[in-house]
Amino acid sequence: MAIKIRNKRDVSFSMASMSDIVFLLLIFFMLTSTLVSPNAIKLLLPSSNSRTMAKQTLTVYINELGQYFVEENYVEPNQLQDRISASVGNDVEATIVLRADKTVEVQHIVNIIDAVNQINSTLNTKHKVILATQPAE
């Protein structure tokens, strides 16, 4: 009496589970990439109800210690104008976004504005400074 096996082994591979894993990974990376903070220097920005958006050319940071950073690179206050001018390059109407901690003295903000105004008068450009804020609660 011969016993036959009813369940035959299937050697084909189903791609359905592989595509599910790929889509789950895609969703995971899309969600985590939007959660990454665009600010490299951690600041507590002032609050505002204004919703002005502009194409930013350059970002200048002032941390709570009053230190200046042009695109995440530390800059001495006396080299600020040269570094901003070099970073902007030949752009005539650049927008400089100023991200200053809300505990920073106003004089540090005025120093950035003065440096940009000096560049404008020297090179006959039309750069503008926008102060970055966080939404008011």
C-alpha atoms as a PDB file:
ATOM      1  CA  MET A   1       0.000   0.000   0.000  1.00  0.00           C
ATOM      2  CA  ALA A   2       1.574   3.203  -1.180  1.00  0.00           C
ATOM      3  CA  ILE A   3       0.994   6.346   0.891  1.00  0.00           C
ATOM      4  CA  LYS A   4       0.822   9.481  -1.196  1.00  0.00           C
ATOM      5  CA  ILE A   5       1.690  12.907   0.161  1.00  0.00           C
ATOM      6  CA  ARG A   6      -1.106  15.369  -0.508  1.00  0.00           C
ATOM      7  CA  ASN A   7       0.838  18.534   0.284  1.00  0.00           C
ATOM      8  CA  LYS A   8       3.323  19.235  -2.413  1.00  0.00           C
ATOM      9  CA  ARG A   9       6.117  21.679  -1.795  1.00  0.00           C
ATOM     10  CA  ASP A  10       5.987  24.795  -3.933  1.00  0.00           C
ATOM     11  CA  VAL A  11       9.406  26.154  -4.895  1.00  0.00           C
ATOM     12  CA  SER A  12       8.145  29.446  -6.336  1.00  0.00           C
ATOM     13  CA  PHE A  13       8.743  32.687  -4.396  1.00  0.00           C
ATOM     14  CA  SER A  14       5.935  35.132  -3.677  1.00  0.00           C
ATOM     15  CA  MET A  15       6.941  38.785  -4.063  1.00  0.00           C
ATOM     16  CA  ALA A  16       3.838  40.094  -2.260  1.00  0.00           C
ATOM     17  CA  SER A  17       5.461  40.133   1.164  1.00  0.00           C
ATOM     18  CA  MET A  18       8.617  41.749  -0.245  1.00  0.00           C
ATOM     19  CA  SER A  19       6.643  44.601  -1.792  1.00  0.00           C
ATOM     20  CA  ASP A  20       4.825  45.143   1.516  1.00  0.00           C
ATOM     21  CA  ILE A  21       8.142  45.503   3.309  1.00  0.00           C
ATOM     22  CA  VAL A  22       9.420  47.932   0.677  1.00  0.00           C
ATOM     23  CA  PHE A  23       6.337  50.120   1.006  1.00  0.00           C
ATOM     24  CA  LEU A  24       6.575  50.088   4.804  1.00  0.00           C
ATOM     25  CA  LEU A  25      10.219  51.152   4.624  1.00  0.00           C
ATOM     26  CA  LEU A  26       9.325  53.886   2.157  1.00  0.00           C
ATOM     27  CA  ILE A  27       6.633  55.257   4.469  1.00  0.00           C
ATOM     28  CA  PHE A  28       8.993  55.060   7.458  1.00  0.00           C
ATOM     29  CA  PHE A  29      11.757  57.034   5.723  1.00  0.00           C
ATOM     30  CA  MET A  30       9.329  59.612   4.379  1.00  0.00           C
ATOM     31  CA  LEU A  31       7.952  60.246   7.871  1.00  0.00           C
ATOM     32  CA  THR A  32      11.320  60.387   9.588  1.00  0.00           C
ATOM     33  CA  SER A  33      12.805  62.707   6.980  1.00  0.00           C
ATOM     34  CA  THR A  34      10.080  65.291   7.640  1.00  0.00           C
ATOM     35  CA  LEU A  35      10.754  65.106  11.369  1.00  0.00           C
ATOM     36  CA  VAL A  36      14.413  66.035  10.965  1.00  0.00           C
ATOM     37  CA  SER A  37      14.985  69.578  12.156  1.00  0.00           C
ATOM     38  CA  PRO A  38      16.315  71.919   9.455  1.00  0.00           C
ATOM     39  CA  ASN A  39      18.057  74.031  12.066  1.00  0.00           C
ATOM     40  CA  ALA A  40      21.543  72.834  12.796  1.00  0.00           C
ATOM     41  CA  ILE A  41      21.974  75.260  15.685  1.00  0.00           C
ATOM     42  CA  LYS A  42      19.367  74.880  18.403  1.00  0.00           C
ATOM     43  CA  LEU A  43      17.695  78.213  19.121  1.00  0.00           C
ATOM     44  CA  LEU A  44      14.616  79.375  20.964  1.00  0.00           C
ATOM     45  CA  LEU A  45      13.100  81.703  18.356  1.00  0.00           C
ATOM     46  CA  PRO A  46      10.808  84.610  19.215  1.00  0.00           C
ATOM     47  CA  SER A  47       7.080  84.135  18.582  1.00  0.00           C
ATOM     48  CA  SER A  48       5.106  85.912  15.885  1.00  0.00           C
ATOM     49  CA  ASN A  49       1.779  85.685  14.041  1.00  0.00           C
ATOM     50  CA  SER A  50       3.433  86.755  10.774  1.00  0.00           C
ATOM     51  CA  ARG A  51       3.533  84.177   7.979  1.00  0.00           C
ATOM     52  CA  THR A  52       6.045  85.805   5.599  1.00  0.00           C
ATOM     53  CA  MET A  53       7.849  83.270   3.452  1.00  0.00           C
ATOM     54  CA  ALA A  54      10.828  84.122   1.282  1.00  0.00           C
ATOM     55  CA  LYS A  55      13.398  82.320  -0.795  1.00  0.00           C
ATOM     56  CA  GLN A  56      16.374  82.270   1.491  1.00  0.00           C
ATOM     57  CA  THR A  57      19.845  82.666   0.096  1.00  0.00           C
ATOM     58  CA  LEU A  58      21.811  82.595   3.335  1.00  0.00           C
ATOM     59  CA  THR A  59      21.104  81.848   6.985  1.00  0.00           C
ATOM     60  CA  VAL A  60      22.846  83.663   9.833  1.00  0.00           C
ATOM     61  CA  TYR A  61      22.476  82.337  13.367  1.00  0.00           C
ATOM     62  CA  ILE A  62      23.001  84.092  16.691  1.00  0.00           C
ATOM     63  CA  ASN A  63      22.964  81.744  19.671  1.00  0.00           C
ATOM     64  CA  GLU A  64      22.133  82.598  23.285  1.00  0.00           C
ATOM     65  CA  LEU A  65      25.815  83.413  23.946  1.00  0.00           C
ATOM     66  CA  GLY A  66      25.853  86.074  21.230  1.00  0.00           C
ATOM     67  CA  GLN A  67      28.027  84.030  18.871  1.00  0.00           C
ATOM     68  CA  TYR A  68      27.540  84.474  15.130  1.00  0.00           C
ATOM     69  CA  PHE A  69      27.269  81.581  12.669  1.00  0.00           C
ATOM     70  CA  VAL A  70      27.020  81.937   8.897  1.00  0.00           C
ATOM     71  CA  GLU A  71      25.567  78.693   7.521  1.00  0.00           C
ATOM     72  CA  GLU A  72      26.564  76.788  10.686  1.00  0.00           C
ATOM     73  CA  ASN A  73      30.181  78.035  10.601  1.00  0.00           C
ATOM     74  CA  TYR A  74      31.339  80.195  13.518  1.00  0.00           C
ATOM     75  CA  VAL A  75      32.342  83.731  12.534  1.00  0.00           C
ATOM     76  CA  GLU A  76      34.109  86.388  14.582  1.00  0.00           C
ATOM     77  CA  PRO A  77      32.099  89.642  14.791  1.00  0.00           C
ATOM     78  CA  ASN A  78      34.787  91.619  12.955  1.00  0.00           C
ATOM     79  CA  GLN A  79      34.714  89.139  10.012  1.00  0.00           C
ATOM     80  CA  LEU A  80      30.934  89.089   9.734  1.00  0.00           C
ATOM     81  CA  GLN A  81      30.624  91.469   6.790  1.00  0.00           C
ATOM     82  CA  ASP A  82      33.301  89.698   4.744  1.00  0.00           C
ATOM     83  CA  ARG A  83      31.822  86.243   5.383  1.00  0.00           C
ATOM     84  CA  ILE A  84      28.280  87.335   4.479  1.00  0.00           C
ATOM     85  CA  SER A  85      29.534  89.031   1.332  1.00  0.00           C
ATOM     86  CA  ALA A  86      31.518  85.946   0.309  1.00  0.00           C
ATOM     87  CA  SER A  87      28.602  83.596   1.040  1.00  0.00           C
ATOM     88  CA  VAL A  88      26.088  85.636  -0.934  1.00  0.00           C
ATOM     89  CA  GLY A  89      28.446  85.846  -3.897  1.00  0.00           C
ATOM     90  CA  ASN A  90      27.249  87.718  -6.985  1.00  0.00           C
ATOM     91  CA  ASP A  91      23.571  87.630  -6.036  1.00  0.00           C
ATOM     92  CA  VAL A  92      22.190  91.190  -6.249  1.00  0.00           C
ATOM     93  CA  GLU A  93      18.939  90.612  -4.345  1.00  0.00           C
ATOM     94  CA  ALA A  94      19.821  87.993  -1.742  1.00  0.00           C
ATOM     95  CA  THR A  95      17.598  87.242   1.238  1.00  0.00           C
ATOM     96  CA  ILE A  96      19.452  86.690   4.496  1.00  0.00           C
ATOM     97  CA  VAL A  97      17.411  84.858   7.123  1.00  0.00           C
ATOM     98  CA  LEU A  98      18.445  85.832  10.633  1.00  0.00           C
ATOM     99  CA  ARG A  99      17.747  83.115  13.180  1.00  0.00           C
ATOM    100  CA  ALA A 100      18.443  84.701  16.560  1.00  0.00           C
ATOM    101  CA  ASP A 101      17.693  83.199  19.955  1.00  0.00           C
ATOM    102  CA  LYS A 102      14.983  85.209  21.704  1.00  0.00           C
ATOM    103  CA  THR A 103      17.292  85.928  24.653  1.00  0.00           C
ATOM    104  CA  VAL A 104      19.871  87.658  22.417  1.00  0.00           C
ATOM    105  CA  GLU A 105      20.425  91.365  22.918  1.00  0.00           C
ATOM    106  CA  VAL A 106      19.055  93.558  20.171  1.00  0.00           C
ATOM    107  CA  GLN A 107      22.555  94.928  19.502  1.00  0.00           C
ATOM    108  CA  HIS A 108      23.625  91.575  18.039  1.00  0.00           C
ATOM    109  CA  ILE A 109      20.693  91.671  15.609  1.00  0.00           C
ATOM    110  CA  VAL A 110      21.523  95.267  14.688  1.00  0.00           C
ATOM    111  CA  ASN A 111      25.134  94.199  13.995  1.00  0.00           C
ATOM    112  CA  ILE A 112      23.902  91.761  11.332  1.00  0.00           C
ATOM    113  CA  ILE A 113      21.595  94.355   9.786  1.00  0.00           C
ATOM    114  CA  ASP A 114      24.424  96.917   9.763  1.00  0.00           C
ATOM    115  CA  ALA A 115      26.769  94.425   8.080  1.00  0.00           C
ATOM    116  CA  VAL A 116      24.199  93.721   5.348  1.00  0.00           C
ATOM    117  CA  ASN A 117      23.491  97.447   4.893  1.00  0.00           C
ATOM    118  CA  GLN A 118      27.229  98.108   4.576  1.00  0.00           C
ATOM    119  CA  ILE A 119      27.470  95.405   1.913  1.00  0.00           C
ATOM    120  CA  ASN A 120      24.491  96.969   0.102  1.00  0.00           C
ATOM    121  CA  SER A 121      26.043 100.436   0.072  1.00  0.00           C
ATOM    122  CA  THR A 122      29.514  99.193  -0.898  1.00  0.00           C
ATOM    123  CA  LEU A 123      28.490  96.801  -3.686  1.00  0.00           C
ATOM    124  CA  ASN A 124      25.280  98.607  -4.724  1.00  0.00           C
ATOM    125  CA  THR A 125      23.136  95.525  -4.027  1.00  0.00           C
ATOM    126  CA  LYS A 126      19.636  95.045  -2.608  1.00  0.00           C
ATOM    127  CA  HIS A 127      20.098  92.362   0.035  1.00  0.00           C
ATOM    128  CA  LYS A 128      17.424  92.131   2.692  1.00  0.00           C
ATOM    129  CA  VAL A 129      17.345  90.649   6.171  1.00  0.00           C
ATOM    130  CA  ILE A 130      14.377  88.658   7.480  1.00  0.00           C
ATOM    131  CA  LEU A 131      14.111  87.740  11.141  1.00  0.00           C
ATOM    132  CA  ALA A 132      12.995  84.116  11.587  1.00  0.00           C
ATOM    133  CA  THR A 133      10.288  83.466  14.182  1.00  0.00           C
ATOM    134  CA  GLN A 134       8.240  80.557  15.409  1.00  0.00           C
ATOM    135  CA  PRO A 135       4.430  80.490  15.303  1.00  0.00           C
ATOM    136  CA  ALA A 136       2.719  82.130  18.275  1.00  0.00           C
ATOM    137  CA  GLU A 137       0.870  79.736  20.522  1.00  0.00           C
END
